[in-house]
């Protein structure tokens, strides 16, 4: 049943760690890339940064006085290592059905990720829900990554939806912060490995174990309320 209001409404989804079980694969890929360049960065530190664009993640993880020429080497290494995981990418339980249900409710479904275009293709293949996705934005669409709201605002612009008619779903503190800065409710999921307390502290209005629990409780969630208008 479509929303009561004539104004279009949208649910924006992060992808890595939210719809696809890839947060730890990215952590491992970054860890290996840093090691190859001579930097030892703890995996726990890297995991907390996953969700940013590659350039911002490298800036946050490494010393400011490093040789800047090493950055491109690290970014290329991460891309090559993560590509070896493409065949193993798996959707999180309930991801496809959640997108289908949102579409059935008359909501625009948009993916907003800091992933590169080629990685996004493989992530979408894993989700297997292209028939329910109205649009997607990737790292090439903005210059400032989460926690800045740019990628979420670009996603809304892509489908012509005002920020007051949108909800964002993500798994990282950066997702929650970006939604807050954009001015939309944030729904957190735990399947990316970040705890409920951290997500709520970063601005999550609701937290679920993953897409499957969110789907089961959709009617009483922020998404359900959005659909009701």
Protein backbone atom coordinates (compact mmCIF):
# COMPACT_ATOMS: atom_id res chain seq x y z
CA UNK A 1 0.00 0.00 0.00
CA UNK A 2 1.56 3.34 -1.05
CA UNK A 3 2.08 6.28 1.31
CA UNK A 4 -0.99 8.40 2.08
CA UNK A 5 0.76 11.62 1.09
CA UNK A 6 1.44 12.34 -2.57
CA UNK A 7 5.00 13.39 -1.76
CA UNK A 8 7.53 10.71 -2.77
CA UNK A 9 9.28 8.98 0.11
CA UNK A 10 12.49 6.99 0.25
CA UNK A 11 14.49 4.56 2.31
CA UNK A 12 18.23 4.93 1.81
CA UNK A 13 20.39 1.92 2.58
CA UNK A 14 24.08 1.67 3.24
CA UNK A 15 25.43 -1.51 1.61
CA UNK A 16 28.69 -2.84 3.10
CA UNK A 17 27.87 -4.33 6.50
CA UNK A 18 24.19 -3.42 6.20
CA UNK A 19 22.90 -5.43 3.24
CA UNK A 20 26.04 -7.43 2.46
CA UNK A 21 28.20 -9.22 5.05
CA UNK A 22 31.39 -7.49 3.94
CA UNK A 23 32.52 -5.20 6.75
CA UNK A 24 35.16 -7.62 8.01
CA UNK A 25 36.30 -8.44 4.48
CA UNK A 26 37.03 -4.74 4.00
CA UNK A 27 38.81 -4.69 7.35
CA UNK A 28 41.06 -7.55 6.30
CA UNK A 29 41.70 -6.02 2.86
CA UNK A 30 42.74 -2.69 4.40
CA UNK A 31 44.91 -4.45 7.01
CA UNK A 32 46.77 -6.32 4.28
CA UNK A 33 47.13 -3.20 2.15
CA UNK A 34 48.59 -1.23 5.05
CA UNK A 35 51.01 -4.06 5.88
CA UNK A 36 52.21 -4.21 2.29
CA UNK A 37 53.01 -0.49 2.53
CA UNK A 38 54.85 -0.96 5.83
CA UNK A 39 52.15 0.22 8.26
CA UNK A 40 50.76 -1.87 11.10
CA UNK A 41 47.22 -0.73 11.88
CA UNK A 42 45.14 -2.84 14.31
CA UNK A 43 42.11 -4.48 12.74
CA UNK A 44 39.87 -3.07 15.47
CA UNK A 45 40.94 0.43 14.45
CA UNK A 46 40.34 -0.29 10.77
CA UNK A 47 36.90 -1.80 11.41
CA UNK A 48 35.75 1.38 13.09
CA UNK A 49 36.70 3.37 9.98
CA UNK A 50 35.02 1.12 7.41
CA UNK A 51 32.23 3.06 5.72
CA UNK A 52 34.36 6.06 4.80
CA UNK A 53 35.74 6.51 1.31
CA UNK A 54 39.14 4.94 0.83
CA UNK A 55 41.00 8.24 0.82
CA UNK A 56 39.39 9.41 4.06
CA UNK A 57 39.95 6.04 5.71
CA UNK A 58 43.66 6.15 4.85
CA UNK A 59 43.89 9.72 6.19
CA UNK A 60 42.29 8.66 9.46
CA UNK A 61 44.32 5.47 9.88
CA UNK A 62 47.84 6.66 9.06
CA UNK A 63 50.19 9.34 10.44
CA UNK A 64 49.78 12.79 8.92
CA UNK A 65 53.51 13.03 8.20
CA UNK A 66 53.61 9.94 5.95
CA UNK A 67 54.84 10.15 2.37
CA UNK A 68 51.63 11.08 0.49
CA UNK A 69 52.72 9.06 -2.52
CA UNK A 70 52.07 5.86 -0.57
CA UNK A 71 48.33 6.54 -0.47
CA UNK A 72 47.66 5.58 -4.08
CA UNK A 73 49.60 2.35 -3.55
CA UNK A 74 47.50 1.47 -0.51
CA UNK A 75 44.23 2.29 -2.27
CA UNK A 76 45.19 0.11 -5.24
CA UNK A 77 46.23 -2.73 -2.94
CA UNK A 78 42.96 -2.60 -1.02
CA UNK A 79 40.97 -2.70 -4.25
CA UNK A 80 42.93 -5.68 -5.55
CA UNK A 81 42.66 -7.61 -2.28
CA UNK A 82 38.95 -6.90 -1.84
CA UNK A 83 38.32 -8.04 -5.42
CA UNK A 84 39.53 -11.51 -4.44
CA UNK A 85 36.55 -11.67 -2.06
CA UNK A 86 33.94 -10.88 -4.72
CA UNK A 87 32.96 -14.52 -5.32
CA UNK A 88 32.38 -14.96 -1.56
CA UNK A 89 30.14 -11.93 -1.01
CA UNK A 90 26.89 -12.84 0.71
CA UNK A 91 23.77 -10.81 1.38
CA UNK A 92 22.83 -10.43 5.04
CA UNK A 93 19.79 -12.51 6.01
CA UNK A 94 16.61 -10.69 5.05
CA UNK A 95 18.28 -8.03 2.90
CA UNK A 96 16.54 -8.84 -0.38
CA UNK A 97 13.13 -9.32 1.25
CA UNK A 98 13.50 -6.04 3.14
CA UNK A 99 14.15 -4.10 -0.06
CA UNK A 100 11.23 -5.86 -1.75
CA UNK A 101 8.88 -4.97 1.10
CA UNK A 102 9.95 -1.31 1.11
CA UNK A 103 9.26 -1.17 -2.61
CA UNK A 104 5.90 -2.86 -2.09
CA UNK A 105 4.98 -0.13 0.42
CA UNK A 106 5.46 2.46 -2.30
CA UNK A 107 8.79 3.77 -1.06
CA UNK A 108 11.77 4.62 -3.24
CA UNK A 109 14.67 2.31 -2.44
CA UNK A 110 18.12 3.85 -2.81
CA UNK A 111 21.60 2.50 -2.11
CA UNK A 112 24.12 5.02 -0.78
CA UNK A 113 27.62 3.67 -0.38
CA UNK A 114 31.22 4.80 -0.32
CA UNK A 115 32.13 1.76 -2.46
CA UNK A 116 33.75 2.09 -5.86
CA UNK A 117 31.49 1.45 -8.86
CA UNK A 118 33.04 -1.95 -9.62
CA UNK A 119 32.68 -3.10 -6.02
CA UNK A 120 29.09 -1.84 -6.00
CA UNK A 121 28.31 -4.03 -9.01
CA UNK A 122 29.44 -7.09 -7.07
CA UNK A 123 27.61 -6.02 -3.93
CA UNK A 124 24.40 -5.61 -5.92
CA UNK A 125 24.94 -9.04 -7.44
CA UNK A 126 25.16 -10.50 -3.93
CA UNK A 127 21.93 -8.79 -2.83
CA UNK A 128 20.11 -9.93 -6.00
CA UNK A 129 17.44 -7.25 -5.64
CA UNK A 130 17.94 -4.90 -8.59
CA UNK A 131 14.24 -5.09 -9.42
CA UNK A 132 13.47 -3.30 -6.15
CA UNK A 133 16.23 -0.66 -6.27
CA UNK A 134 15.38 2.74 -7.75
CA UNK A 135 18.86 4.28 -7.68
CA UNK A 136 22.34 3.97 -6.20
CA UNK A 137 25.18 6.35 -5.44
CA UNK A 138 28.84 5.45 -5.01
CA UNK A 139 32.14 7.08 -4.10
CA UNK A 140 32.34 8.88 -7.45
CA UNK A 141 29.17 10.86 -6.76
CA UNK A 142 30.57 13.00 -3.93
CA UNK A 143 33.87 14.37 -2.69
CA UNK A 144 33.07 14.27 1.05
CA UNK A 145 32.28 10.86 2.55
CA UNK A 146 30.43 9.88 5.71
CA UNK A 147 30.12 11.20 8.37
CA UNK A 148 29.43 14.13 6.03
CA UNK A 149 25.89 13.87 4.63
CA UNK A 150 26.77 14.48 0.98
CA UNK A 151 26.25 10.93 -0.27
CA UNK A 152 22.82 10.72 1.38
CA UNK A 153 21.73 14.03 -0.07
CA UNK A 154 22.98 12.93 -3.50
CA UNK A 155 20.90 9.76 -3.15
CA UNK A 156 17.77 11.76 -2.34
CA UNK A 157 18.40 14.08 -5.27
CA UNK A 158 18.70 11.06 -7.54
CA UNK A 159 15.09 10.03 -6.76
CA UNK A 160 13.61 13.50 -6.18
CA UNK A 161 12.76 13.02 -2.49
CA UNK A 162 12.95 15.70 0.20
CA UNK A 163 15.01 14.94 3.29
CA UNK A 164 11.97 15.13 5.57
CA UNK A 165 10.46 12.22 3.64
CA UNK A 166 13.38 9.82 4.04
CA UNK A 167 14.87 7.30 6.46
CA UNK A 168 18.43 5.97 6.38
CA UNK A 169 19.51 2.46 7.37
CA UNK A 170 23.17 1.72 8.16
CA UNK A 171 25.54 -0.28 10.33
CA UNK A 172 28.32 2.15 11.30
CA UNK A 173 28.62 5.19 13.54
CA UNK A 174 29.52 7.20 10.42
CA UNK A 175 26.17 6.22 8.91
CA UNK A 176 24.27 7.45 11.95
CA UNK A 177 26.23 10.71 12.04
CA UNK A 178 25.71 11.33 8.33
CA UNK A 179 21.96 10.83 8.67
CA UNK A 180 21.85 13.24 11.60
CA UNK A 181 23.72 15.89 9.67
CA UNK A 182 21.39 15.38 6.71
CA UNK A 183 18.36 15.79 8.99
CA UNK A 184 16.76 12.36 8.59
CA UNK A 185 16.04 9.53 11.05
CA UNK A 186 18.73 6.85 11.26
CA UNK A 187 18.00 3.16 11.75
CA UNK A 188 20.96 1.08 12.89
CA UNK A 189 21.66 -2.61 12.28
CA UNK A 190 24.18 -4.69 14.22
CA UNK A 191 25.23 -7.00 11.37
CA UNK A 192 28.25 -4.83 10.51
CA UNK A 193 29.82 -5.44 13.92
CA UNK A 194 29.19 -2.12 15.69
CA UNK A 195 27.38 -2.31 19.03
CA UNK A 196 23.96 -0.91 19.83
CA UNK A 197 25.25 1.58 22.40
CA UNK A 198 27.69 3.09 19.91
CA UNK A 199 25.05 3.35 17.20
CA UNK A 200 22.58 5.04 19.55
CA UNK A 201 25.24 7.42 20.82
CA UNK A 202 25.98 8.36 17.20
CA UNK A 203 22.30 9.15 16.59
CA UNK A 204 20.40 5.94 15.80
CA UNK A 205 16.72 6.30 16.60
CA UNK A 206 16.20 2.52 16.40
CA UNK A 207 18.54 -0.47 16.32
CA UNK A 208 17.85 -3.98 15.00
CA UNK A 209 19.99 -7.09 14.78
CA UNK A 210 19.85 -6.97 11.00
CA UNK A 211 17.56 -6.67 7.97
CA UNK A 212 15.64 -9.78 9.02
CA UNK A 213 14.59 -8.31 12.38
CA UNK A 214 13.88 -4.92 10.80
CA UNK A 215 11.65 -6.64 8.24
CA UNK A 216 9.80 -8.55 10.95
CA UNK A 217 9.14 -5.31 12.85
CA UNK A 218 8.77 -3.04 9.83
CA UNK A 219 5.25 -1.84 10.55
CA UNK A 220 6.26 -0.33 13.91
CA UNK A 221 9.63 0.98 12.66
CA UNK A 222 10.60 4.39 11.30
CA UNK A 223 10.20 2.91 7.82
CA UNK A 224 6.67 1.75 8.60
CA UNK A 225 5.76 5.18 9.91
CA UNK A 226 7.26 6.77 6.80
CA UNK A 227 5.12 4.54 4.59
CA UNK A 228 1.98 5.48 6.50
CA UNK A 229 2.64 9.14 5.79
